[in-house]
Amino acid sequence: MARSYRPRNSAVTKELGIETLYIEPGSPWENGFAESIHSRFRNEFLATEVFENLAAARKLTAAWKEDYNHHRPHSSALTQPLLS
């Protein structure tokens, strides 16, 4: 049974006339951004790394996330890193 999602700022969104959309779990095609980041993470990181243990996986994941968000250029951000 699907549960509805109610954002914390629902009073503000209602006042502004903004409606939220429900994305069915397991339907990544309904959210292009999430599908894009998951695809990049899978292809650029998960497919290229071998993890010795959970601690190593966490450390490597944090390093990839830092590089992805702070150092590499992004076409959607006019070739600037997402977070500076």
PDB file of N, CA and C in Angstrom:
ATOM      1  N   MET A   1       0.843  -1.187   0.000  1.00  0.00           N
ATOM      2  CA  MET A   1       0.000   0.000   0.000  1.00  0.00           C
ATOM      3  C   MET A   1       0.883   1.243   0.000  1.00  0.00           C
ATOM      4  N   ALA A   2       0.650   2.137  -0.902  1.00  0.00           N
ATOM      5  CA  ALA A   2       1.455   3.348  -1.027  1.00  0.00           C
ATOM      6  C   ALA A   2       1.059   4.354   0.043  1.00  0.00           C
ATOM      7  N   ARG A   3       2.074   4.982   0.605  1.00  0.00           N
ATOM      8  CA  ARG A   3       1.822   6.049   1.574  1.00  0.00           C
ATOM      9  C   ARG A   3       2.013   7.378   0.877  1.00  0.00           C
ATOM     10  N   SER A   4       1.189   8.314   1.204  1.00  0.00           N
ATOM     11  CA  SER A   4       1.349   9.628   0.585  1.00  0.00           C
ATOM     12  C   SER A   4       2.451  10.384   1.324  1.00  0.00           C
ATOM     13  N   TYR A   5       3.110  11.256   0.588  1.00  0.00           N
ATOM     14  CA  TYR A   5       4.181  12.059   1.140  1.00  0.00           C
ATOM     15  C   TYR A   5       3.677  13.470   1.326  1.00  0.00           C
ATOM     16  N   ARG A   6       3.841  14.001   2.498  1.00  0.00           N
ATOM     17  CA  ARG A   6       3.417  15.367   2.771  1.00  0.00           C
ATOM     18  C   ARG A   6       4.646  16.171   3.204  1.00  0.00           C
ATOM     19  N   PRO A   7       5.081  17.120   2.383  1.00  0.00           N
ATOM     20  CA  PRO A   7       6.269  17.895   2.727  1.00  0.00           C
ATOM     21  C   PRO A   7       6.061  18.718   3.985  1.00  0.00           C
ATOM     22  N   ARG A   8       7.163  18.998   4.680  1.00  0.00           N
ATOM     23  CA  ARG A   8       7.088  19.773   5.917  1.00  0.00           C
ATOM     24  C   ARG A   8       6.546  21.172   5.690  1.00  0.00           C
ATOM     25  N   ASN A   9       6.820  21.734   4.542  1.00  0.00           N
ATOM     26  CA  ASN A   9       6.382  23.093   4.263  1.00  0.00           C
ATOM     27  C   ASN A   9       5.088  23.105   3.451  1.00  0.00           C
ATOM     28  N   SER A  10       4.199  22.164   3.733  1.00  0.00           N
ATOM     29  CA  SER A  10       2.977  22.040   2.935  1.00  0.00           C
ATOM     30  C   SER A  10       2.106  23.296   3.017  1.00  0.00           C
ATOM     31  N   ALA A  11       2.122  24.016   4.118  1.00  0.00           N
ATOM     32  CA  ALA A  11       1.330  25.242   4.217  1.00  0.00           C
ATOM     33  C   ALA A  11       1.853  26.293   3.236  1.00  0.00           C
ATOM     34  N   VAL A  12       3.159  26.380   3.105  1.00  0.00           N
ATOM     35  CA  VAL A  12       3.764  27.346   2.180  1.00  0.00           C
ATOM     36  C   VAL A  12       3.459  26.949   0.746  1.00  0.00           C
ATOM     37  N   THR A  13       3.643  25.683   0.421  1.00  0.00           N
ATOM     38  CA  THR A  13       3.383  25.247  -0.952  1.00  0.00           C
ATOM     39  C   THR A  13       1.908  25.421  -1.306  1.00  0.00           C
ATOM     40  N   LYS A  14       1.043  25.164  -0.363  1.00  0.00           N
ATOM     41  CA  LYS A  14      -0.394  25.336  -0.612  1.00  0.00           C
ATOM     42  C   LYS A  14      -0.716  26.808  -0.847  1.00  0.00           C
ATOM     43  N   GLU A  15      -0.124  27.669  -0.034  1.00  0.00           N
ATOM     44  CA  GLU A  15      -0.355  29.111  -0.172  1.00  0.00           C
ATOM     45  C   GLU A  15       0.127  29.620  -1.531  1.00  0.00           C
ATOM     46  N   LEU A  16       1.216  29.061  -2.030  1.00  0.00           N
ATOM     47  CA  LEU A  16       1.770  29.475  -3.320  1.00  0.00           C
ATOM     48  C   LEU A  16       1.113  28.764  -4.497  1.00  0.00           C
ATOM     49  N   GLY A  17       0.220  27.830  -4.200  1.00  0.00           N
ATOM     50  CA  GLY A  17      -0.458  27.099  -5.261  1.00  0.00           C
ATOM     51  C   GLY A  17       0.405  26.024  -5.909  1.00  0.00           C
ATOM     52  N   ILE A  18       1.380  25.534  -5.166  1.00  0.00           N
ATOM     53  CA  ILE A  18       2.285  24.503  -5.680  1.00  0.00           C
ATOM     54  C   ILE A  18       1.798  23.145  -5.205  1.00  0.00           C
ATOM     55  N   GLU A  19       1.693  22.221  -6.138  1.00  0.00           N
ATOM     56  CA  GLU A  19       1.306  20.866  -5.786  1.00  0.00           C
ATOM     57  C   GLU A  19       2.518  19.950  -5.873  1.00  0.00           C
ATOM     58  N   THR A  20       2.621  19.011  -4.957  1.00  0.00           N
ATOM     59  CA  THR A  20       3.701  18.033  -5.016  1.00  0.00           C
ATOM     60  C   THR A  20       3.210  16.808  -5.777  1.00  0.00           C
ATOM     61  N   LEU A  21       4.137  16.107  -6.392  1.00  0.00           N
ATOM     62  CA  LEU A  21       3.806  14.910  -7.149  1.00  0.00           C
ATOM     63  C   LEU A  21       4.282  13.683  -6.406  1.00  0.00           C
ATOM     64  N   TYR A  22       3.529  12.635  -6.504  1.00  0.00           N
ATOM     65  CA  TYR A  22       3.912  11.365  -5.903  1.00  0.00           C
ATOM     66  C   TYR A  22       4.649  10.545  -6.949  1.00  0.00           C
ATOM     67  N   ILE A  23       5.849  10.086  -6.610  1.00  0.00           N
ATOM     68  CA  ILE A  23       6.608   9.223  -7.506  1.00  0.00           C
ATOM     69  C   ILE A  23       6.556   7.816  -6.929  1.00  0.00           C
ATOM     70  N   GLU A  24       6.007   6.926  -7.689  1.00  0.00           N
ATOM     71  CA  GLU A  24       5.864   5.531  -7.271  1.00  0.00           C
ATOM     72  C   GLU A  24       7.238   4.917  -7.010  1.00  0.00           C
ATOM     73  N   PRO A  25       7.439   4.247  -5.873  1.00  0.00           N
ATOM     74  CA  PRO A  25       8.712   3.566  -5.635  1.00  0.00           C
ATOM     75  C   PRO A  25       8.999   2.580  -6.766  1.00  0.00           C
ATOM     76  N   GLY A  26      10.250   2.547  -7.207  1.00  0.00           N
ATOM     77  CA  GLY A  26      10.624   1.666  -8.300  1.00  0.00           C
ATOM     78  C   GLY A  26      10.300   2.231  -9.672  1.00  0.00           C
ATOM     79  N   SER A  27      10.027   3.528  -9.741  1.00  0.00           N
ATOM     80  CA  SER A  27       9.719   4.181 -11.017  1.00  0.00           C
ATOM     81  C   SER A  27      10.705   5.323 -11.270  1.00  0.00           C
ATOM     82  N   PRO A  28      11.987   5.011 -11.470  1.00  0.00           N
ATOM     83  CA  PRO A  28      12.983   6.082 -11.599  1.00  0.00           C
ATOM     84  C   PRO A  28      12.775   6.953 -12.825  1.00  0.00           C
ATOM     85  N   TRP A  29      12.078   6.454 -13.839  1.00  0.00           N
ATOM     86  CA  TRP A  29      11.856   7.247 -15.042  1.00  0.00           C
ATOM     87  C   TRP A  29      10.973   8.451 -14.769  1.00  0.00           C
ATOM     88  N   GLU A  30      10.322   8.482 -13.604  1.00  0.00           N
ATOM     89  CA  GLU A  30       9.488   9.628 -13.256  1.00  0.00           C
ATOM     90  C   GLU A  30      10.308  10.762 -12.649  1.00  0.00           C
ATOM     91  N   ASN A  31      11.576  10.513 -12.351  1.00  0.00           N
ATOM     92  CA  ASN A  31      12.437  11.527 -11.760  1.00  0.00           C
ATOM     93  C   ASN A  31      13.780  11.474 -12.475  1.00  0.00           C
ATOM     94  N   GLY A  32      13.927  12.269 -13.522  1.00  0.00           N
ATOM     95  CA  GLY A  32      15.125  12.247 -14.349  1.00  0.00           C
ATOM     96  C   GLY A  32      16.406  12.541 -13.606  1.00  0.00           C
ATOM     97  N   PHE A  33      16.369  13.469 -12.627  1.00  0.00           N
ATOM     98  CA  PHE A  33      17.594  13.790 -11.883  1.00  0.00           C
ATOM     99  C   PHE A  33      18.071  12.590 -11.088  1.00  0.00           C
ATOM    100  N   ALA A  34      17.162  11.948 -10.371  1.00  0.00           N
ATOM    101  CA  ALA A  34      17.553  10.792  -9.559  1.00  0.00           C
ATOM    102  C   ALA A  34      18.102   9.682 -10.443  1.00  0.00           C
ATOM    103  N   GLU A  35      17.475   9.450 -11.579  1.00  0.00           N
ATOM    104  CA  GLU A  35      17.952   8.408 -12.481  1.00  0.00           C
ATOM    105  C   GLU A  35      19.330   8.762 -13.020  1.00  0.00           C
ATOM    106  N   SER A  36      19.572  10.019 -13.306  1.00  0.00           N
ATOM    107  CA  SER A  36      20.862  10.456 -13.823  1.00  0.00           C
ATOM    108  C   SER A  36      21.975  10.234 -12.803  1.00  0.00           C
ATOM    109  N   ILE A  37      21.764  10.661 -11.566  1.00  0.00           N
ATOM    110  CA  ILE A  37      22.810  10.498 -10.542  1.00  0.00           C
ATOM    111  C   ILE A  37      23.014   9.027 -10.212  1.00  0.00           C
ATOM    112  N   HIS A  38      21.953   8.244 -10.176  1.00  0.00           N
ATOM    113  CA  HIS A  38      22.102   6.812  -9.899  1.00  0.00           C
ATOM    114  C   HIS A  38      22.876   6.129 -11.010  1.00  0.00           C
ATOM    115  N   SER A  39      22.613   6.514 -12.251  1.00  0.00           N
ATOM    116  CA  SER A  39      23.315   5.941 -13.390  1.00  0.00           C
ATOM    117  C   SER A  39      24.800   6.281 -13.339  1.00  0.00           C
ATOM    118  N   ARG A  40      25.117   7.535 -13.066  1.00  0.00           N
ATOM    119  CA  ARG A  40      26.522   7.940 -12.972  1.00  0.00           C
ATOM    120  C   ARG A  40      27.226   7.216 -11.830  1.00  0.00           C
ATOM    121  N   PHE A  41      26.578   7.148 -10.682  1.00  0.00           N
ATOM    122  CA  PHE A  41      27.169   6.478  -9.523  1.00  0.00           C
ATOM    123  C   PHE A  41      27.435   5.004  -9.830  1.00  0.00           C
ATOM    124  N   ARG A  42      26.481   4.366 -10.451  1.00  0.00           N
ATOM    125  CA  ARG A  42      26.620   2.958 -10.800  1.00  0.00           C
ATOM    126  C   ARG A  42      27.748   2.755 -11.813  1.00  0.00           C
ATOM    127  N   ASN A  43      27.764   3.558 -12.893  1.00  0.00           N
ATOM    128  CA  ASN A  43      28.735   3.369 -13.966  1.00  0.00           C
ATOM    129  C   ASN A  43      30.136   3.854 -13.625  1.00  0.00           C
ATOM    130  N   GLU A  44      30.236   4.968 -12.925  1.00  0.00           N
ATOM    131  CA  GLU A  44      31.546   5.547 -12.642  1.00  0.00           C
ATOM    132  C   GLU A  44      32.170   5.046 -11.350  1.00  0.00           C
ATOM    133  N   PHE A  45      31.376   4.514 -10.462  1.00  0.00           N
ATOM    134  CA  PHE A  45      31.910   4.137  -9.151  1.00  0.00           C
ATOM    135  C   PHE A  45      31.707   2.660  -8.836  1.00  0.00           C
ATOM    136  N   LEU A  46      30.469   2.233  -8.763  1.00  0.00           N
ATOM    137  CA  LEU A  46      30.207   0.856  -8.343  1.00  0.00           C
ATOM    138  C   LEU A  46      30.794  -0.174  -9.301  1.00  0.00           C
ATOM    139  N   ALA A  47      30.779   0.121 -10.587  1.00  0.00           N
ATOM    140  CA  ALA A  47      31.285  -0.833 -11.571  1.00  0.00           C
ATOM    141  C   ALA A  47      32.806  -0.861 -11.630  1.00  0.00           C
ATOM    142  N   THR A  48      33.473   0.105 -11.002  1.00  0.00           N
ATOM    143  CA  THR A  48      34.932   0.188 -11.105  1.00  0.00           C
ATOM    144  C   THR A  48      35.667  -0.106  -9.806  1.00  0.00           C
ATOM    145  N   GLU A  49      34.970  -0.212  -8.713  1.00  0.00           N
ATOM    146  CA  GLU A  49      35.610  -0.412  -7.408  1.00  0.00           C
ATOM    147  C   GLU A  49      35.342  -1.812  -6.863  1.00  0.00           C
ATOM    148  N   VAL A  50      36.319  -2.312  -6.113  1.00  0.00           N
ATOM    149  CA  VAL A  50      36.165  -3.553  -5.364  1.00  0.00           C
ATOM    150  C   VAL A  50      36.366  -3.177  -3.897  1.00  0.00           C
ATOM    151  N   PHE A  51      35.385  -3.480  -3.090  1.00  0.00           N
ATOM    152  CA  PHE A  51      35.423  -3.079  -1.685  1.00  0.00           C
ATOM    153  C   PHE A  51      35.901  -4.234  -0.815  1.00  0.00           C
ATOM    154  N   GLU A  52      36.893  -3.944   0.028  1.00  0.00           N
ATOM    155  CA  GLU A  52      37.402  -4.972   0.933  1.00  0.00           C
ATOM    156  C   GLU A  52      36.453  -5.217   2.095  1.00  0.00           C
ATOM    157  N   ASN A  53      35.804  -4.159   2.539  1.00  0.00           N
ATOM    158  CA  ASN A  53      34.878  -4.271   3.665  1.00  0.00           C
ATOM    159  C   ASN A  53      33.972  -3.037   3.675  1.00  0.00           C
ATOM    160  N   LEU A  54      33.050  -2.980   4.595  1.00  0.00           N
ATOM    161  CA  LEU A  54      32.093  -1.882   4.658  1.00  0.00           C
ATOM    162  C   LEU A  54      32.778  -0.548   4.934  1.00  0.00           C
ATOM    163  N   ALA A  55      33.776  -0.542   5.802  1.00  0.00           N
ATOM    164  CA  ALA A  55      34.489   0.700   6.112  1.00  0.00           C
ATOM    165  C   ALA A  55      35.181   1.254   4.867  1.00  0.00           C
ATOM    166  N   ALA A  56      35.792   0.382   4.086  1.00  0.00           N
ATOM    167  CA  ALA A  56      36.452   0.815   2.851  1.00  0.00           C
ATOM    168  C   ALA A  56      35.426   1.341   1.850  1.00  0.00           C
ATOM    169  N   ALA A  57      34.281   0.686   1.767  1.00  0.00           N
ATOM    170  CA  ALA A  57      33.220   1.134   0.860  1.00  0.00           C
ATOM    171  C   ALA A  57      32.731   2.525   1.251  1.00  0.00           C
ATOM    172  N   ARG A  58      32.560   2.749   2.529  1.00  0.00           N
ATOM    173  CA  ARG A  58      32.104   4.063   3.000  1.00  0.00           C
ATOM    174  C   ARG A  58      33.142   5.145   2.701  1.00  0.00           C
ATOM    175  N   LYS A  59      34.416   4.832   2.918  1.00  0.00           N
ATOM    176  CA  LYS A  59      35.485   5.795   2.677  1.00  0.00           C
ATOM    177  C   LYS A  59      35.577   6.145   1.188  1.00  0.00           C
ATOM    178  N   LEU A  60      35.543   5.148   0.325  1.00  0.00           N
ATOM    179  CA  LEU A  60      35.613   5.385  -1.111  1.00  0.00           C
ATOM    180  C   LEU A  60      34.369   6.124  -1.621  1.00  0.00           C
ATOM    181  N   THR A  61      33.214   5.793  -1.060  1.00  0.00           N
ATOM    182  CA  THR A  61      31.973   6.476  -1.452  1.00  0.00           C
ATOM    183  C   THR A  61      32.038   7.952  -1.081  1.00  0.00           C
ATOM    184  N   ALA A  62      32.524   8.249   0.107  1.00  0.00           N
ATOM    185  CA  ALA A  62      32.644   9.647   0.542  1.00  0.00           C
ATOM    186  C   ALA A  62      33.600  10.411  -0.365  1.00  0.00           C
ATOM    187  N   ALA A  63      34.698   9.779  -0.772  1.00  0.00           N
ATOM    188  CA  ALA A  63      35.658  10.434  -1.664  1.00  0.00           C
ATOM    189  C   ALA A  63      35.025  10.697  -3.033  1.00  0.00           C
ATOM    190  N   TRP A  64      34.276   9.726  -3.561  1.00  0.00           N
ATOM    191  CA  TRP A  64      33.616   9.912  -4.859  1.00  0.00           C
ATOM    192  C   TRP A  64      32.585  11.037  -4.773  1.00  0.00           C
ATOM    193  N   LYS A  65      31.819  11.053  -3.697  1.00  0.00           N
ATOM    194  CA  LYS A  65      30.795  12.082  -3.506  1.00  0.00           C
ATOM    195  C   LYS A  65      31.435  13.468  -3.414  1.00  0.00           C
ATOM    196  N   GLU A  66      32.527  13.581  -2.688  1.00  0.00           N
ATOM    197  CA  GLU A  66      33.246  14.856  -2.568  1.00  0.00           C
ATOM    198  C   GLU A  66      33.718  15.333  -3.945  1.00  0.00           C
ATOM    199  N   ASP A  67      34.317  14.433  -4.706  1.00  0.00           N
ATOM    200  CA  ASP A  67      34.791  14.789  -6.042  1.00  0.00           C
ATOM    201  C   ASP A  67      33.622  15.175  -6.944  1.00  0.00           C
ATOM    202  N   TYR A  68      32.564  14.400  -6.924  1.00  0.00           N
ATOM    203  CA  TYR A  68      31.403  14.647  -7.787  1.00  0.00           C
ATOM    204  C   TYR A  68      30.768  15.998  -7.493  1.00  0.00           C
ATOM    205  N   ASN A  69      30.601  16.320  -6.231  1.00  0.00           N
ATOM    206  CA  ASN A  69      29.901  17.551  -5.846  1.00  0.00           C
ATOM    207  C   ASN A  69      30.769  18.804  -5.860  1.00  0.00           C
ATOM    208  N   HIS A  70      32.069  18.660  -5.592  1.00  0.00           N
ATOM    209  CA  HIS A  70      32.898  19.846  -5.372  1.00  0.00           C
ATOM    210  C   HIS A  70      33.974  20.093  -6.419  1.00  0.00           C
ATOM    211  N   HIS A  71      34.324  19.099  -7.201  1.00  0.00           N
ATOM    212  CA  HIS A  71      35.479  19.281  -8.076  1.00  0.00           C
ATOM    213  C   HIS A  71      35.204  19.074  -9.559  1.00  0.00           C
ATOM    214  N   ARG A  72      34.353  18.167  -9.909  1.00  0.00           N
ATOM    215  CA  ARG A  72      34.153  17.895 -11.332  1.00  0.00           C
ATOM    216  C   ARG A  72      33.125  18.830 -11.946  1.00  0.00           C
ATOM    217  N   PRO A  73      33.329  19.215 -13.182  1.00  0.00           N
ATOM    218  CA  PRO A  73      32.369  20.105 -13.845  1.00  0.00           C
ATOM    219  C   PRO A  73      31.084  19.368 -14.212  1.00  0.00           C
ATOM    220  N   HIS A  74      29.987  20.096 -14.234  1.00  0.00           N
ATOM    221  CA  HIS A  74      28.675  19.540 -14.562  1.00  0.00           C
ATOM    222  C   HIS A  74      28.051  20.355 -15.676  1.00  0.00           C
ATOM    223  N   SER A  75      27.578  19.687 -16.697  1.00  0.00           N
ATOM    224  CA  SER A  75      26.977  20.381 -17.834  1.00  0.00           C
ATOM    225  C   SER A  75      25.750  21.187 -17.423  1.00  0.00           C
ATOM    226  N   SER A  76      24.966  20.679 -16.462  1.00  0.00           N
ATOM    227  CA  SER A  76      23.762  21.395 -16.048  1.00  0.00           C
ATOM    228  C   SER A  76      24.093  22.656 -15.248  1.00  0.00           C
ATOM    229  N   ALA A  77      25.315  22.745 -14.743  1.00  0.00           N
ATOM    230  CA  ALA A  77      25.737  23.917 -13.974  1.00  0.00           C
ATOM    231  C   ALA A  77      26.713  24.763 -14.784  1.00  0.00           C
ATOM    232  N   LEU A  78      26.569  24.713 -16.111  1.00  0.00           N
ATOM    233  CA  LEU A  78      27.433  25.470 -17.014  1.00  0.00           C
ATOM    234  C   LEU A  78      28.901  25.163 -16.775  1.00  0.00           C
ATOM    235  N   THR A  79      29.199  23.900 -16.656  1.00  0.00           N
ATOM    236  CA  THR A  79      30.543  23.338 -16.479  1.00  0.00           C
ATOM    237  C   THR A  79      31.224  23.749 -15.180  1.00  0.00           C
ATOM    238  N   GLN A  80      30.459  24.151 -14.210  1.00  0.00           N
ATOM    239  CA  GLN A  80      30.993  24.451 -12.885  1.00  0.00           C
ATOM    240  C   GLN A  80      30.677  23.289 -11.950  1.00  0.00           C
ATOM    241  N   PRO A  81      31.471  23.084 -10.891  1.00  0.00           N
ATOM    242  CA  PRO A  81      31.106  22.067  -9.897  1.00  0.00           C
ATOM    243  C   PRO A  81      29.773  22.426  -9.257  1.00  0.00           C
ATOM    244  N   LEU A  82      29.036  21.406  -8.806  1.00  0.00           N
ATOM    245  CA  LEU A  82      27.739  21.656  -8.197  1.00  0.00           C
ATOM    246  C   LEU A  82      27.851  22.504  -6.943  1.00  0.00           C
ATOM    247  N   LEU A  83      28.786  22.162  -6.077  1.00  0.00           N
ATOM    248  CA  LEU A  83      28.988  22.888  -4.825  1.00  0.00           C
ATOM    249  C   LEU A  83      30.398  23.442  -4.803  1.00  0.00           C
ATOM    250  N   SER A  84      30.536  24.695  -4.522  1.00  0.00           N
ATOM    251  CA  SER A  84      31.873  25.290  -4.514  1.00  0.00           C
ATOM    252  C   SER A  84      32.345  25.519  -3.113  1.00  0.00           C
TER     253      SER A  84
END
